Amino acid sequence: MFYFLLPTLMSYNVILIAAAVIPAVFLMVKVYRSDRLEKESPYMLWALVRAGIFSSLIAMVAERVLSGVLDMTVRDPGLYQVLLYFGVVAFSEEGAKYFMLRRGTWNSPEFNCQFDGVVYATFVSLGFALWENISYVLHYGFSTALVRAVTAIPGHTCFGVFMGVFYGLARRYENRGQRETAQLYRVLAVIAPALLHGAYDYIASMRAGTWAFVAFIALLFAASYVLVVRLSREDRYI
């Protein structure tokens, strides 16, 4: 009996995985095409996706450890929610992405344009979202893929855009010898997306926050789109 069901189950899982993967791939292509001056090599892009996948594993471990600490130390429900979404989840995930991003690209000779920072951070974020989405979809089904296709995956893309904006500026000022300014932008490359990520999760968790969540997503997407268009148009060699 099991052997008759196996092809059907495999086909269903293939459909679920495709539903999880396609939105991420679509956004990767969109960002890649916005890179006007000098396209990144396929090797670099694939390395960034792998880095994003690995960062999801780092974040998972960090979240479990920090959640355990939070459970043992914080009793106030309101404070717990804030620390969980802004501290544990947001900084674990965005910090892991940034760690893998900087490790793989900071000293790369391909990092020679300011917009490269946006491309790199976005591909790492989408690698993270890709792996995370596959896990969610295989556990919870096709409906989860549809919801995450219009919320979580573009959300990670937006976080990556903001990370990349500051990351590109950090590389630019580092090349100019302004190391203190570069350090400031490297810190902002973690803090800005982490705060946006925390706000995203916190608003999504509110029982009566549906419209607030929709408004937040709309503003986040609009701001990210404007940044990508503007930075692509104004890109320069650094």
C-alpha atoms as a PDB file:
ATOM      1  CA  MET A   1       0.000   0.000   0.000  1.00  0.00           C
ATOM      2  CA  PHE A   2       2.810   2.393   0.924  1.00  0.00           C
ATOM      3  CA  TYR A   3       4.491   1.944  -2.472  1.00  0.00           C
ATOM      4  CA  PHE A   4       1.322   3.071  -4.260  1.00  0.00           C
ATOM      5  CA  LEU A   5       1.191   6.224  -2.141  1.00  0.00           C
ATOM      6  CA  LEU A   6       4.886   7.061  -2.444  1.00  0.00           C
ATOM      7  CA  PRO A   7       4.746   8.745  -5.903  1.00  0.00           C
ATOM      8  CA  THR A   8       1.806  10.898  -4.799  1.00  0.00           C
ATOM      9  CA  LEU A   9       3.558  11.946  -1.609  1.00  0.00           C
ATOM     10  CA  MET A  10       6.743  12.757  -3.487  1.00  0.00           C
ATOM     11  CA  SER A  11       4.844  14.814  -6.066  1.00  0.00           C
ATOM     12  CA  TYR A  12       3.079  16.721  -3.294  1.00  0.00           C
ATOM     13  CA  ASN A  13       6.380  17.528  -1.577  1.00  0.00           C
ATOM     14  CA  VAL A  14       7.871  18.686  -4.875  1.00  0.00           C
ATOM     15  CA  ILE A  15       4.941  21.080  -5.317  1.00  0.00           C
ATOM     16  CA  LEU A  16       5.364  22.386  -1.770  1.00  0.00           C
ATOM     17  CA  ILE A  17       9.091  22.930  -2.226  1.00  0.00           C
ATOM     18  CA  ALA A  18       8.498  24.697  -5.555  1.00  0.00           C
ATOM     19  CA  ALA A  19       5.940  26.971  -3.875  1.00  0.00           C
ATOM     20  CA  ALA A  20       8.519  27.782  -1.218  1.00  0.00           C
ATOM     21  CA  VAL A  21      11.380  28.364  -3.654  1.00  0.00           C
ATOM     22  CA  ILE A  22       9.797  30.310  -6.540  1.00  0.00           C
ATOM     23  CA  PRO A  23       9.081  33.597  -4.660  1.00  0.00           C
ATOM     24  CA  ALA A  24      12.652  33.742  -3.369  1.00  0.00           C
ATOM     25  CA  VAL A  25      14.100  33.065  -6.818  1.00  0.00           C
ATOM     26  CA  PHE A  26      11.855  35.727  -8.379  1.00  0.00           C
ATOM     27  CA  LEU A  27      13.115  38.361  -5.937  1.00  0.00           C
ATOM     28  CA  MET A  28      16.721  37.287  -6.433  1.00  0.00           C
ATOM     29  CA  VAL A  29      16.355  37.855 -10.178  1.00  0.00           C
ATOM     30  CA  LYS A  30      14.744  41.261  -9.593  1.00  0.00           C
ATOM     31  CA  VAL A  31      17.590  42.484  -7.393  1.00  0.00           C
ATOM     32  CA  TYR A  32      20.226  40.983  -9.708  1.00  0.00           C
ATOM     33  CA  ARG A  33      18.798  42.855 -12.695  1.00  0.00           C
ATOM     34  CA  SER A  34      18.906  46.111 -10.731  1.00  0.00           C
ATOM     35  CA  ASP A  35      22.703  45.842 -10.503  1.00  0.00           C
ATOM     36  CA  ARG A  36      23.608  48.172 -13.376  1.00  0.00           C
ATOM     37  CA  LEU A  37      27.345  48.727 -13.296  1.00  0.00           C
ATOM     38  CA  GLU A  38      28.928  45.305 -12.895  1.00  0.00           C
ATOM     39  CA  LYS A  39      27.069  42.033 -12.415  1.00  0.00           C
ATOM     40  CA  GLU A  40      28.311  39.699  -9.709  1.00  0.00           C
ATOM     41  CA  SER A  41      29.688  36.308 -10.702  1.00  0.00           C
ATOM     42  CA  PRO A  42      27.426  33.239 -10.473  1.00  0.00           C
ATOM     43  CA  TYR A  43      29.938  31.751  -8.031  1.00  0.00           C
ATOM     44  CA  MET A  44      29.566  34.729  -5.687  1.00  0.00           C
ATOM     45  CA  LEU A  45      25.762  34.681  -5.877  1.00  0.00           C
ATOM     46  CA  TRP A  46      25.562  30.965  -5.154  1.00  0.00           C
ATOM     47  CA  ALA A  47      28.023  31.389  -2.269  1.00  0.00           C
ATOM     48  CA  LEU A  48      25.751  34.102  -0.838  1.00  0.00           C
ATOM     49  CA  VAL A  49      22.685  31.860  -1.022  1.00  0.00           C
ATOM     50  CA  ARG A  50      24.616  29.091   0.751  1.00  0.00           C
ATOM     51  CA  ALA A  51      25.742  31.607   3.355  1.00  0.00           C
ATOM     52  CA  GLY A  52      22.114  32.579   3.933  1.00  0.00           C
ATOM     53  CA  ILE A  53      21.118  28.944   4.388  1.00  0.00           C
ATOM     54  CA  PHE A  54      23.945  28.428   6.871  1.00  0.00           C
ATOM     55  CA  SER A  55      22.999  31.620   8.710  1.00  0.00           C
ATOM     56  CA  SER A  56      19.524  30.174   9.308  1.00  0.00           C
ATOM     57  CA  LEU A  57      21.125  27.263  11.146  1.00  0.00           C
ATOM     58  CA  ILE A  58      23.245  29.633  13.258  1.00  0.00           C
ATOM     59  CA  ALA A  59      20.156  31.699  14.057  1.00  0.00           C
ATOM     60  CA  MET A  60      18.190  28.600  15.043  1.00  0.00           C
ATOM     61  CA  VAL A  61      20.805  27.631  17.642  1.00  0.00           C
ATOM     62  CA  ALA A  62      21.094  31.202  18.938  1.00  0.00           C
ATOM     63  CA  GLU A  63      17.314  31.552  19.241  1.00  0.00           C
ATOM     64  CA  ARG A  64      16.978  28.340  21.226  1.00  0.00           C
ATOM     65  CA  VAL A  65      19.730  29.329  23.647  1.00  0.00           C
ATOM     66  CA  LEU A  66      18.490  32.897  24.106  1.00  0.00           C
ATOM     67  CA  SER A  67      14.854  31.798  24.386  1.00  0.00           C
ATOM     68  CA  GLY A  68      15.860  29.464  27.206  1.00  0.00           C
ATOM     69  CA  VAL A  69      17.590  32.312  29.003  1.00  0.00           C
ATOM     70  CA  LEU A  70      14.559  34.546  28.449  1.00  0.00           C
ATOM     71  CA  ASP A  71      12.184  31.906  29.822  1.00  0.00           C
ATOM     72  CA  MET A  72      14.218  31.655  33.009  1.00  0.00           C
ATOM     73  CA  THR A  73      14.730  35.374  33.648  1.00  0.00           C
ATOM     74  CA  VAL A  74      11.709  37.381  32.431  1.00  0.00           C
ATOM     75  CA  ARG A  75       8.267  37.034  33.995  1.00  0.00           C
ATOM     76  CA  ASP A  76       6.438  40.107  32.718  1.00  0.00           C
ATOM     77  CA  PRO A  77       4.450  39.081  29.582  1.00  0.00           C
ATOM     78  CA  GLY A  78       4.732  42.458  27.840  1.00  0.00           C
ATOM     79  CA  LEU A  79       8.480  42.731  28.379  1.00  0.00           C
ATOM     80  CA  TYR A  80       8.873  39.095  27.378  1.00  0.00           C
ATOM     81  CA  GLN A  81       7.193  39.723  24.008  1.00  0.00           C
ATOM     82  CA  VAL A  82       9.348  42.764  23.281  1.00  0.00           C
ATOM     83  CA  LEU A  83      12.582  40.991  24.194  1.00  0.00           C
ATOM     84  CA  LEU A  84      11.555  37.877  22.289  1.00  0.00           C
ATOM     85  CA  TYR A  85      10.778  39.602  18.997  1.00  0.00           C
ATOM     86  CA  PHE A  86      13.288  42.455  19.049  1.00  0.00           C
ATOM     87  CA  GLY A  87      16.102  40.754  20.926  1.00  0.00           C
ATOM     88  CA  VAL A  88      16.019  37.000  20.554  1.00  0.00           C
ATOM     89  CA  VAL A  89      14.481  36.538  17.100  1.00  0.00           C
ATOM     90  CA  ALA A  90      15.444  39.729  15.256  1.00  0.00           C
ATOM     91  CA  PHE A  91      19.037  40.066  16.428  1.00  0.00           C
ATOM     92  CA  SER A  92      19.701  36.322  16.209  1.00  0.00           C
ATOM     93  CA  GLU A  93      18.524  36.171  12.599  1.00  0.00           C
ATOM     94  CA  GLU A  94      19.869  39.495  11.329  1.00  0.00           C
ATOM     95  CA  GLY A  95      23.093  39.065  13.292  1.00  0.00           C
ATOM     96  CA  ALA A  96      23.620  35.611  11.767  1.00  0.00           C
ATOM     97  CA  LYS A  97      22.947  36.973   8.283  1.00  0.00           C
ATOM     98  CA  TYR A  98      25.386  39.831   8.800  1.00  0.00           C
ATOM     99  CA  PHE A  99      28.067  37.503  10.165  1.00  0.00           C
ATOM    100  CA  MET A 100      27.896  35.318   7.063  1.00  0.00           C
ATOM    101  CA  LEU A 101      27.583  38.351   4.776  1.00  0.00           C
ATOM    102  CA  ARG A 102      30.701  40.054   6.117  1.00  0.00           C
ATOM    103  CA  ARG A 103      32.647  36.807   6.268  1.00  0.00           C
ATOM    104  CA  GLY A 104      32.013  36.072   2.609  1.00  0.00           C
ATOM    105  CA  THR A 105      32.157  39.485   0.941  1.00  0.00           C
ATOM    106  CA  TRP A 106      33.945  42.199   2.922  1.00  0.00           C
ATOM    107  CA  ASN A 107      37.386  41.498   1.448  1.00  0.00           C
ATOM    108  CA  SER A 108      36.170  40.241  -1.928  1.00  0.00           C
ATOM    109  CA  PRO A 109      37.632  41.996  -5.001  1.00  0.00           C
ATOM    110  CA  GLU A 110      34.125  41.831  -6.511  1.00  0.00           C
ATOM    111  CA  PHE A 111      32.874  44.252  -3.831  1.00  0.00           C
ATOM    112  CA  ASN A 112      33.712  47.340  -5.880  1.00  0.00           C
ATOM    113  CA  CYS A 113      30.341  49.122  -6.243  1.00  0.00           C
ATOM    114  CA  GLN A 114      28.120  50.582  -3.547  1.00  0.00           C
ATOM    115  CA  PHE A 115      25.018  48.741  -4.811  1.00  0.00           C
ATOM    116  CA  ASP A 116      26.910  45.461  -4.399  1.00  0.00           C
ATOM    117  CA  GLY A 117      26.151  45.751  -0.687  1.00  0.00           C
ATOM    118  CA  VAL A 118      22.430  45.599  -1.444  1.00  0.00           C
ATOM    119  CA  VAL A 119      22.860  42.637  -3.803  1.00  0.00           C
ATOM    120  CA  TYR A 120      24.980  40.708  -1.307  1.00  0.00           C
ATOM    121  CA  ALA A 121      22.770  41.336   1.723  1.00  0.00           C
ATOM    122  CA  THR A 122      19.603  40.581  -0.241  1.00  0.00           C
ATOM    123  CA  PHE A 123      20.931  37.274  -1.564  1.00  0.00           C
ATOM    124  CA  VAL A 124      22.028  36.205   1.923  1.00  0.00           C
ATOM    125  CA  SER A 125      18.606  37.180   3.289  1.00  0.00           C
ATOM    126  CA  LEU A 126      16.821  35.298   0.521  1.00  0.00           C
ATOM    127  CA  GLY A 127      19.003  32.235   1.104  1.00  0.00           C
ATOM    128  CA  PHE A 128      17.903  32.425   4.734  1.00  0.00           C
ATOM    129  CA  ALA A 129      14.249  32.875   3.741  1.00  0.00           C
ATOM    130  CA  LEU A 130      14.470  30.097   1.176  1.00  0.00           C
ATOM    131  CA  TRP A 131      15.588  27.510   3.716  1.00  0.00           C
ATOM    132  CA  GLU A 132      13.206  28.792   6.368  1.00  0.00           C
ATOM    133  CA  ASN A 133      10.296  28.733   3.927  1.00  0.00           C
ATOM    134  CA  ILE A 134      10.973  25.176   2.810  1.00  0.00           C
ATOM    135  CA  SER A 135      10.939  24.083   6.459  1.00  0.00           C
ATOM    136  CA  TYR A 136       7.664  25.894   7.178  1.00  0.00           C
ATOM    137  CA  VAL A 137       5.964  24.654   4.045  1.00  0.00           C
ATOM    138  CA  LEU A 138       6.911  21.006   4.540  1.00  0.00           C
ATOM    139  CA  HIS A 139       5.545  21.197   8.085  1.00  0.00           C
ATOM    140  CA  TYR A 140       2.411  23.270   7.516  1.00  0.00           C
ATOM    141  CA  GLY A 141       1.446  22.873   3.851  1.00  0.00           C
ATOM    142  CA  PHE A 142       0.682  24.846   0.701  1.00  0.00           C
ATOM    143  CA  SER A 143      -1.431  27.528   2.394  1.00  0.00           C
ATOM    144  CA  THR A 144       1.637  28.497   4.409  1.00  0.00           C
ATOM    145  CA  ALA A 145       3.602  28.904   1.163  1.00  0.00           C
ATOM    146  CA  LEU A 146       1.014  31.336  -0.178  1.00  0.00           C
ATOM    147  CA  VAL A 147       0.994  33.453   2.983  1.00  0.00           C
ATOM    148  CA  ARG A 148       4.773  33.526   3.318  1.00  0.00           C
ATOM    149  CA  ALA A 149       5.180  34.299  -0.404  1.00  0.00           C
ATOM    150  CA  VAL A 150       3.544  37.701   0.134  1.00  0.00           C
ATOM    151  CA  THR A 151       4.790  38.398   3.668  1.00  0.00           C
ATOM    152  CA  ALA A 152       7.842  36.612   5.048  1.00  0.00           C
ATOM    153  CA  ILE A 153       9.951  36.218   1.895  1.00  0.00           C
ATOM    154  CA  PRO A 154       9.517  39.827   0.698  1.00  0.00           C
ATOM    155  CA  GLY A 155       9.960  40.825   4.347  1.00  0.00           C
ATOM    156  CA  HIS A 156      13.385  39.175   4.480  1.00  0.00           C
ATOM    157  CA  THR A 157      14.192  40.859   1.171  1.00  0.00           C
ATOM    158  CA  CYS A 158      13.358  44.252   2.669  1.00  0.00           C
ATOM    159  CA  PHE A 159      15.487  43.548   5.724  1.00  0.00           C
ATOM    160  CA  GLY A 160      18.288  42.605   3.335  1.00  0.00           C
ATOM    161  CA  VAL A 161      17.870  45.847   1.393  1.00  0.00           C
ATOM    162  CA  PHE A 162      18.260  47.957   4.528  1.00  0.00           C
ATOM    163  CA  MET A 163      21.223  45.870   5.655  1.00  0.00           C
ATOM    164  CA  GLY A 164      22.802  46.251   2.236  1.00  0.00           C
ATOM    165  CA  VAL A 165      22.326  50.020   2.120  1.00  0.00           C
ATOM    166  CA  PHE A 166      24.447  50.504   5.255  1.00  0.00           C
ATOM    167  CA  TYR A 167      26.827  47.687   4.332  1.00  0.00           C
ATOM    168  CA  GLY A 168      27.611  49.308   0.988  1.00  0.00           C
ATOM    169  CA  LEU A 169      28.192  52.649   2.686  1.00  0.00           C
ATOM    170  CA  ALA A 170      30.487  50.967   5.218  1.00  0.00           C
ATOM    171  CA  ARG A 171      32.635  49.529   2.412  1.00  0.00           C
ATOM    172  CA  ARG A 172      32.714  52.901   0.656  1.00  0.00           C
ATOM    173  CA  TYR A 173      33.960  54.768   3.734  1.00  0.00           C
ATOM    174  CA  GLU A 174      36.390  51.973   4.596  1.00  0.00           C
ATOM    175  CA  ASN A 175      37.943  52.369   1.150  1.00  0.00           C
ATOM    176  CA  ARG A 176      38.299  56.094   1.825  1.00  0.00           C
ATOM    177  CA  GLY A 177      40.164  55.405   5.061  1.00  0.00           C
ATOM    178  CA  GLN A 178      37.310  56.730   7.249  1.00  0.00           C
ATOM    179  CA  ARG A 179      37.224  53.704   9.505  1.00  0.00           C
ATOM    180  CA  GLU A 180      35.162  55.176  12.337  1.00  0.00           C
ATOM    181  CA  THR A 181      32.389  56.129   9.914  1.00  0.00           C
ATOM    182  CA  ALA A 182      32.644  52.711   8.295  1.00  0.00           C
ATOM    183  CA  GLN A 183      32.296  51.053  11.701  1.00  0.00           C
ATOM    184  CA  LEU A 184      29.188  53.114  12.424  1.00  0.00           C
ATOM    185  CA  TYR A 185      27.585  51.957   9.188  1.00  0.00           C
ATOM    186  CA  ARG A 186      28.504  48.337   9.915  1.00  0.00           C
ATOM    187  CA  VAL A 187      26.683  48.611  13.242  1.00  0.00           C
ATOM    188  CA  LEU A 188      23.680  50.186  11.503  1.00  0.00           C
ATOM    189  CA  ALA A 189      23.743  47.324   8.981  1.00  0.00           C
ATOM    190  CA  VAL A 190      22.698  45.054  11.863  1.00  0.00           C
ATOM    191  CA  ILE A 191      20.579  47.403  13.979  1.00  0.00           C
ATOM    192  CA  ALA A 192      18.353  48.801  11.197  1.00  0.00           C
ATOM    193  CA  PRO A 193      17.149  45.454   9.786  1.00  0.00           C
ATOM    194  CA  ALA A 194      16.883  43.980  13.293  1.00  0.00           C
ATOM    195  CA  LEU A 195      14.569  46.780  14.423  1.00  0.00           C
ATOM    196  CA  LEU A 196      12.451  46.375  11.283  1.00  0.00           C
ATOM    197  CA  HIS A 197      12.398  42.609  11.749  1.00  0.00           C
ATOM    198  CA  GLY A 198      11.404  42.968  15.398  1.00  0.00           C
ATOM    199  CA  ALA A 199       8.625  45.394  14.516  1.00  0.00           C
ATOM    200  CA  TYR A 200       7.418  43.031  11.779  1.00  0.00           C
ATOM    201  CA  ASP A 201       7.159  40.082  14.185  1.00  0.00           C
ATOM    202  CA  TYR A 202       5.754  42.114  17.057  1.00  0.00           C
ATOM    203  CA  ILE A 203       2.975  43.699  14.979  1.00  0.00           C
ATOM    204  CA  ALA A 204       2.182  40.325  13.393  1.00  0.00           C
ATOM    205  CA  SER A 205       1.730  38.839  16.884  1.00  0.00           C
ATOM    206  CA  MET A 206      -0.835  41.452  17.964  1.00  0.00           C
ATOM    207  CA  ARG A 207      -4.342  40.012  18.176  1.00  0.00           C
ATOM    208  CA  ALA A 208      -5.990  43.149  16.829  1.00  0.00           C
ATOM    209  CA  GLY A 209      -3.101  44.224  14.622  1.00  0.00           C
ATOM    210  CA  THR A 210      -4.142  42.951  11.190  1.00  0.00           C
ATOM    211  CA  TRP A 211      -4.516  46.362   9.588  1.00  0.00           C
ATOM    212  CA  ALA A 212      -1.450  47.684  11.373  1.00  0.00           C
ATOM    213  CA  PHE A 213       0.503  44.726   9.986  1.00  0.00           C
ATOM    214  CA  VAL A 214      -0.789  45.334   6.450  1.00  0.00           C
ATOM    215  CA  ALA A 215       0.111  49.024   6.700  1.00  0.00           C
ATOM    216  CA  PHE A 216       3.572  48.207   8.062  1.00  0.00           C
ATOM    217  CA  ILE A 217       4.261  45.717   5.260  1.00  0.00           C
ATOM    218  CA  ALA A 218       3.061  48.187   2.621  1.00  0.00           C
ATOM    219  CA  LEU A 219       5.331  50.937   3.951  1.00  0.00           C
ATOM    220  CA  LEU A 220       8.264  48.560   4.314  1.00  0.00           C
ATOM    221  CA  PHE A 221       7.894  47.283   0.752  1.00  0.00           C
ATOM    222  CA  ALA A 222       7.447  50.786  -0.665  1.00  0.00           C
ATOM    223  CA  ALA A 223      10.523  52.117   1.153  1.00  0.00           C
ATOM    224  CA  SER A 224      12.620  49.139   0.035  1.00  0.00           C
ATOM    225  CA  TYR A 225      11.491  49.491  -3.588  1.00  0.00           C
ATOM    226  CA  VAL A 226      12.360  53.200  -3.612  1.00  0.00           C
ATOM    227  CA  LEU A 227      15.774  52.466  -2.096  1.00  0.00           C
ATOM    228  CA  VAL A 228      16.568  49.766  -4.671  1.00  0.00           C
ATOM    229  CA  VAL A 229      15.528  51.979  -7.601  1.00  0.00           C
ATOM    230  CA  ARG A 230      17.371  55.014  -6.288  1.00  0.00           C
ATOM    231  CA  LEU A 231      20.576  53.212  -5.284  1.00  0.00           C
ATOM    232  CA  SER A 232      20.632  51.299  -8.564  1.00  0.00           C
ATOM    233  CA  ARG A 233      20.319  54.557 -10.510  1.00  0.00           C
ATOM    234  CA  GLU A 234      22.957  56.333  -8.409  1.00  0.00           C
ATOM    235  CA  ASP A 235      25.368  53.403  -8.104  1.00  0.00           C
ATOM    236  CA  ARG A 236      29.092  54.178  -8.229  1.00  0.00           C
ATOM    237  CA  TYR A 237      32.409  52.417  -8.077  1.00  0.00           C
ATOM    238  CA  ILE A 238      34.005  52.550  -4.637  1.00  0.00           C
END
